[in-house]
C-alpha atoms as a PDB file:
ATOM      1  CA  MET A   1     -71.486  43.225 -57.738  1.00  0.00           C
ATOM      2  CA  THR A   2     -68.358  44.917 -56.320  1.00  0.00           C
ATOM      3  CA  GLU A   3     -70.145  48.260 -56.206  1.00  0.00           C
ATOM      4  CA  ASN A   4     -72.897  46.700 -54.097  1.00  0.00           C
ATOM      5  CA  LEU A   5     -70.338  45.236 -51.693  1.00  0.00           C
ATOM      6  CA  LEU A   6     -68.529  48.564 -51.426  1.00  0.00           C
ATOM      7  CA  GLU A   7     -71.783  50.379 -50.728  1.00  0.00           C
ATOM      8  CA  GLN A   8     -72.586  47.789 -48.060  1.00  0.00           C
ATOM      9  CA  LYS A   9     -69.191  48.271 -46.373  1.00  0.00           C
ATOM     10  CA  LYS A  10     -69.542  52.040 -46.585  1.00  0.00           C
ATOM     11  CA  ALA A  11     -72.998  51.825 -44.983  1.00  0.00           C
ATOM     12  CA  GLU A  12     -71.532  49.746 -42.132  1.00  0.00           C
ATOM     13  CA  LEU A  13     -68.896  52.401 -41.457  1.00  0.00           C
ATOM     14  CA  MET A  14     -71.462  55.193 -41.657  1.00  0.00           C
ATOM     15  CA  LYS A  15     -73.503  53.566 -38.885  1.00  0.00           C
ATOM     16  CA  ASP A  16     -70.608  54.264 -36.536  1.00  0.00           C
ATOM     17  CA  ALA A  17     -69.366  57.441 -38.247  1.00  0.00           C
ATOM     18  CA  ASP A  18     -68.898  59.376 -35.006  1.00  0.00           C
ATOM     19  CA  LYS A  19     -66.817  56.559 -33.527  1.00  0.00           C
ATOM     20  CA  VAL A  20     -64.756  56.184 -36.719  1.00  0.00           C
ATOM     21  CA  ILE A  21     -64.064  59.941 -36.775  1.00  0.00           C
ATOM     22  CA  GLU A  22     -63.158  59.976 -33.074  1.00  0.00           C
ATOM     23  CA  GLU A  23     -60.733  57.063 -33.496  1.00  0.00           C
ATOM     24  CA  THR A  24     -59.251  58.661 -36.604  1.00  0.00           C
ATOM     25  CA  PHE A  25     -58.667  61.902 -34.727  1.00  0.00           C
ATOM     26  CA  GLU A  26     -57.026  59.987 -31.858  1.00  0.00           C
ATOM     27  CA  GLY A  27     -54.748  58.354 -34.432  1.00  0.00           C
ATOM     28  CA  PHE A  28     -53.847  61.768 -35.827  1.00  0.00           C
ATOM     29  CA  LYS A  29     -53.000  63.069 -32.370  1.00  0.00           C
ATOM     30  CA  LYS A  30     -50.846  60.010 -31.639  1.00  0.00           C
ATOM     31  CA  THR A  31     -48.997  59.887 -34.963  1.00  0.00           C
ATOM     32  CA  TRP A  32     -49.005  63.498 -36.131  1.00  0.00           C
ATOM     33  CA  GLY A  33     -49.379  65.376 -32.862  1.00  0.00           C
ATOM     34  CA  VAL A  34     -52.248  67.402 -34.313  1.00  0.00           C
ATOM     35  CA  ILE A  35     -55.539  66.989 -36.095  1.00  0.00           C
ATOM     36  CA  PRO A  36     -55.078  68.733 -39.444  1.00  0.00           C
ATOM     37  CA  LEU A  37     -57.577  71.463 -40.302  1.00  0.00           C
ATOM     38  CA  VAL A  38     -58.464  69.670 -43.539  1.00  0.00           C
ATOM     39  CA  ALA A  39     -59.399  66.546 -41.564  1.00  0.00           C
ATOM     40  CA  LYS A  40     -61.511  68.551 -39.109  1.00  0.00           C
ATOM     41  CA  GLU A  41     -63.412  70.191 -41.932  1.00  0.00           C
ATOM     42  CA  MET A  42     -63.787  67.026 -44.007  1.00  0.00           C
ATOM     43  CA  ALA A  43     -65.115  65.184 -40.955  1.00  0.00           C
ATOM     44  CA  LYS A  44     -68.203  67.368 -41.228  1.00  0.00           C
ATOM     45  CA  ARG A  45     -68.990  65.228 -44.269  1.00  0.00           C
ATOM     46  CA  PRO A  46     -68.404  61.681 -42.932  1.00  0.00           C
ATOM     47  CA  GLU A  47     -69.489  60.080 -46.219  1.00  0.00           C
ATOM     48  CA  VAL A  48     -66.464  61.751 -47.856  1.00  0.00           C
ATOM     49  CA  PHE A  49     -64.097  61.818 -44.878  1.00  0.00           C
ATOM     50  CA  ILE A  50     -64.196  58.126 -43.961  1.00  0.00           C
ATOM     51  CA  PRO A  51     -63.384  56.736 -47.436  1.00  0.00           C
ATOM     52  CA  ASP A  52     -60.675  59.405 -47.800  1.00  0.00           C
ATOM     53  CA  MET A  53     -59.104  58.379 -44.490  1.00  0.00           C
ATOM     54  CA  ILE A  54     -59.136  54.739 -45.554  1.00  0.00           C
ATOM     55  CA  ALA A  55     -57.221  55.734 -48.695  1.00  0.00           C
ATOM     56  CA  ALA A  56     -54.829  57.971 -46.730  1.00  0.00           C
ATOM     57  CA  THR A  57     -54.098  55.261 -44.187  1.00  0.00           C
ATOM     58  CA  THR A  58     -53.475  52.773 -46.954  1.00  0.00           C
ATOM     59  CA  ILE A  59     -51.141  55.133 -48.805  1.00  0.00           C
ATOM     60  CA  TYR A  60     -49.215  56.478 -45.818  1.00  0.00           C
ATOM     61  CA  GLU A  61     -49.080  53.537 -43.447  1.00  0.00           C
ATOM     62  CA  LYS A  62     -49.298  50.521 -45.729  1.00  0.00           C
ATOM     63  CA  ALA A  63     -46.792  51.493 -48.419  1.00  0.00           C
ATOM     64  CA  LYS A  64     -45.189  48.276 -49.626  1.00  0.00           C
ATOM     65  CA  ALA A  65     -41.805  49.475 -50.863  1.00  0.00           C
ATOM     66  CA  LEU A  66     -41.200  52.447 -48.550  1.00  0.00           C
ATOM     67  CA  ASP A  67     -40.725  52.600 -44.814  1.00  0.00           C
ATOM     68  CA  PHE A  68     -42.742  55.198 -42.888  1.00  0.00           C
ATOM     69  CA  LYS A  69     -39.772  57.553 -42.490  1.00  0.00           C
ATOM     70  CA  THR A  70     -39.305  57.641 -46.268  1.00  0.00           C
ATOM     71  CA  VAL A  71     -43.041  58.131 -46.796  1.00  0.00           C
ATOM     72  CA  MET A  72     -42.909  61.170 -44.527  1.00  0.00           C
ATOM     73  CA  LEU A  73     -39.806  62.533 -46.262  1.00  0.00           C
ATOM     74  CA  VAL A  74     -41.684  62.252 -49.561  1.00  0.00           C
ATOM     75  CA  ALA A  75     -44.710  63.970 -47.988  1.00  0.00           C
ATOM     76  CA  PHE A  76     -42.434  66.761 -46.744  1.00  0.00           C
ATOM     77  CA  GLY A  77     -40.923  67.148 -50.202  1.00  0.00           C
ATOM     78  CA  VAL A  78     -44.306  67.335 -51.887  1.00  0.00           C
ATOM     79  CA  ALA A  79     -45.580  69.824 -49.305  1.00  0.00           C
ATOM     80  CA  THR A  80     -42.461  71.899 -49.927  1.00  0.00           C
ATOM     81  CA  ALA A  81     -42.926  71.847 -53.700  1.00  0.00           C
ATOM     82  CA  LEU A  82     -46.601  72.774 -53.282  1.00  0.00           C
ATOM     83  CA  ARG A  83     -45.744  75.515 -50.774  1.00  0.00           C
ATOM     84  CA  SER A  84     -48.009  74.147 -48.064  1.00  0.00           C
ATOM     85  CA  PRO A  85     -46.539  75.407 -44.774  1.00  0.00           C
ATOM     86  CA  TYR A  86     -48.960  73.523 -42.530  1.00  0.00           C
ATOM     87  CA  CYS A  87     -48.323  70.241 -44.295  1.00  0.00           C
ATOM     88  CA  MET A  88     -44.566  70.938 -44.224  1.00  0.00           C
ATOM     89  CA  ASP A  89     -44.677  71.505 -40.454  1.00  0.00           C
ATOM     90  CA  VAL A  90     -46.590  68.301 -39.772  1.00  0.00           C
ATOM     91  CA  ALA A  91     -44.627  66.151 -42.238  1.00  0.00           C
ATOM     92  CA  ALA A  92     -41.275  67.414 -40.909  1.00  0.00           C
ATOM     93  CA  THR A  93     -42.264  66.696 -37.307  1.00  0.00           C
ATOM     94  CA  VAL A  94     -43.617  63.232 -38.106  1.00  0.00           C
ATOM     95  CA  ALA A  95     -40.569  62.441 -40.264  1.00  0.00           C
ATOM     96  CA  LEU A  96     -38.270  63.342 -37.350  1.00  0.00           C
ATOM     97  CA  LYS A  97     -40.343  61.168 -35.003  1.00  0.00           C
ATOM     98  CA  ALA A  98     -40.037  58.345 -37.558  1.00  0.00           C
ATOM     99  CA  GLY A  99     -36.233  58.590 -37.493  1.00  0.00           C
ATOM    100  CA  ALA A 100     -35.419  61.149 -40.181  1.00  0.00           C
ATOM    101  CA  THR A 101     -32.563  63.525 -39.520  1.00  0.00           C
ATOM    102  CA  ILE A 102     -32.438  67.289 -39.902  1.00  0.00           C
ATOM    103  CA  ASP A 103     -29.919  66.800 -42.714  1.00  0.00           C
ATOM    104  CA  GLU A 104     -32.332  64.479 -44.552  1.00  0.00           C
ATOM    105  CA  LEU A 105     -35.090  67.076 -44.242  1.00  0.00           C
ATOM    106  CA  ARG A 106     -32.738  69.793 -45.525  1.00  0.00           C
ATOM    107  CA  ASP A 107     -31.768  67.663 -48.526  1.00  0.00           C
ATOM    108  CA  VAL A 108     -35.403  66.891 -49.310  1.00  0.00           C
ATOM    109  CA  ALA A 109     -36.330  70.577 -48.973  1.00  0.00           C
ATOM    110  CA  MET A 110     -33.568  71.642 -51.359  1.00  0.00           C
ATOM    111  CA  ILE A 111     -34.417  68.948 -53.910  1.00  0.00           C
ATOM    112  CA  ALA A 112     -38.150  69.681 -53.739  1.00  0.00           C
ATOM    113  CA  ALA A 113     -37.644  73.442 -54.010  1.00  0.00           C
ATOM    114  CA  TYR A 114     -35.298  72.995 -56.957  1.00  0.00           C
ATOM    115  CA  GLU A 115     -37.746  70.697 -58.733  1.00  0.00           C
ATOM    116  CA  ALA A 116     -40.605  73.134 -58.090  1.00  0.00           C
ATOM    117  CA  ARG A 117     -38.426  75.948 -59.465  1.00  0.00           C
ATOM    118  CA  GLY A 118     -37.777  73.946 -62.610  1.00  0.00           C
ATOM    119  CA  THR A 119     -41.463  73.283 -63.077  1.00  0.00           C
ATOM    120  CA  MET A 120     -42.353  76.938 -62.697  1.00  0.00           C
ATOM    121  CA  LEU A 121     -39.593  77.977 -65.106  1.00  0.00           C
ATOM    122  CA  ALA A 122     -40.810  75.454 -67.674  1.00  0.00           C
ATOM    123  CA  PHE A 123     -44.375  76.806 -67.435  1.00  0.00           C
ATOM    124  CA  SER A 124     -43.215  80.423 -67.533  1.00  0.00           C
ATOM    125  CA  LEU A 125     -40.833  79.946 -70.442  1.00  0.00           C
ATOM    126  CA  ARG A 126     -43.486  78.066 -72.433  1.00  0.00           C
ATOM    127  CA  SER A 127     -45.879  80.968 -71.788  1.00  0.00           C
ATOM    128  CA  ILE A 128     -43.289  83.431 -73.108  1.00  0.00           C
ATOM    129  CA  ILE A 129     -42.760  81.317 -76.235  1.00  0.00           C
ATOM    130  CA  GLN A 130     -46.521  81.043 -76.726  1.00  0.00           C
ATOM    131  CA  ALA A 131     -46.986  84.799 -76.267  1.00  0.00           C
ATOM    132  CA  GLU A 132     -44.270  85.470 -78.822  1.00  0.00           C
ATOM    133  CA  GLU A 133     -45.942  83.103 -81.292  1.00  0.00           C
ATOM    134  CA  ASN A 134     -49.329  84.734 -80.645  1.00  0.00           C
ATOM    135  CA  LEU A 135     -47.872  88.138 -81.558  1.00  0.00           C
ATOM    136  CA  LYS A 136     -46.637  86.740 -84.878  1.00  0.00           C
ATOM    137  CA  LYS A 137     -50.166  85.656 -85.887  1.00  0.00           C
END
């Protein structure tokens, strides 16, 4: 029953897909200052783009326990750890617009980079241990 309702709602949005995409892009320009490349490309598949944007809006703008500035600091940290320069640029700019400070961004960058370093070391060291064990077989 829920699946039928979801399909019905999706069909309603698809009727006005061009308008939904246009309004989404206007929202990006207003909030982010740019329309991300990923959004532009995904918009070529409205049946995927529109549900994804509903999820993104819910996650980024409707977070219950975090204010928008903190959400954007988290996004900046994740982008840093994942080494995504375009996402870092956008998240840093939006975080500053949302009230973050340069010092907060620096702290987040250092924490994220350190955590990413630890993750990579853990993977690498496990690979070395595994390779050593493989040689013993």
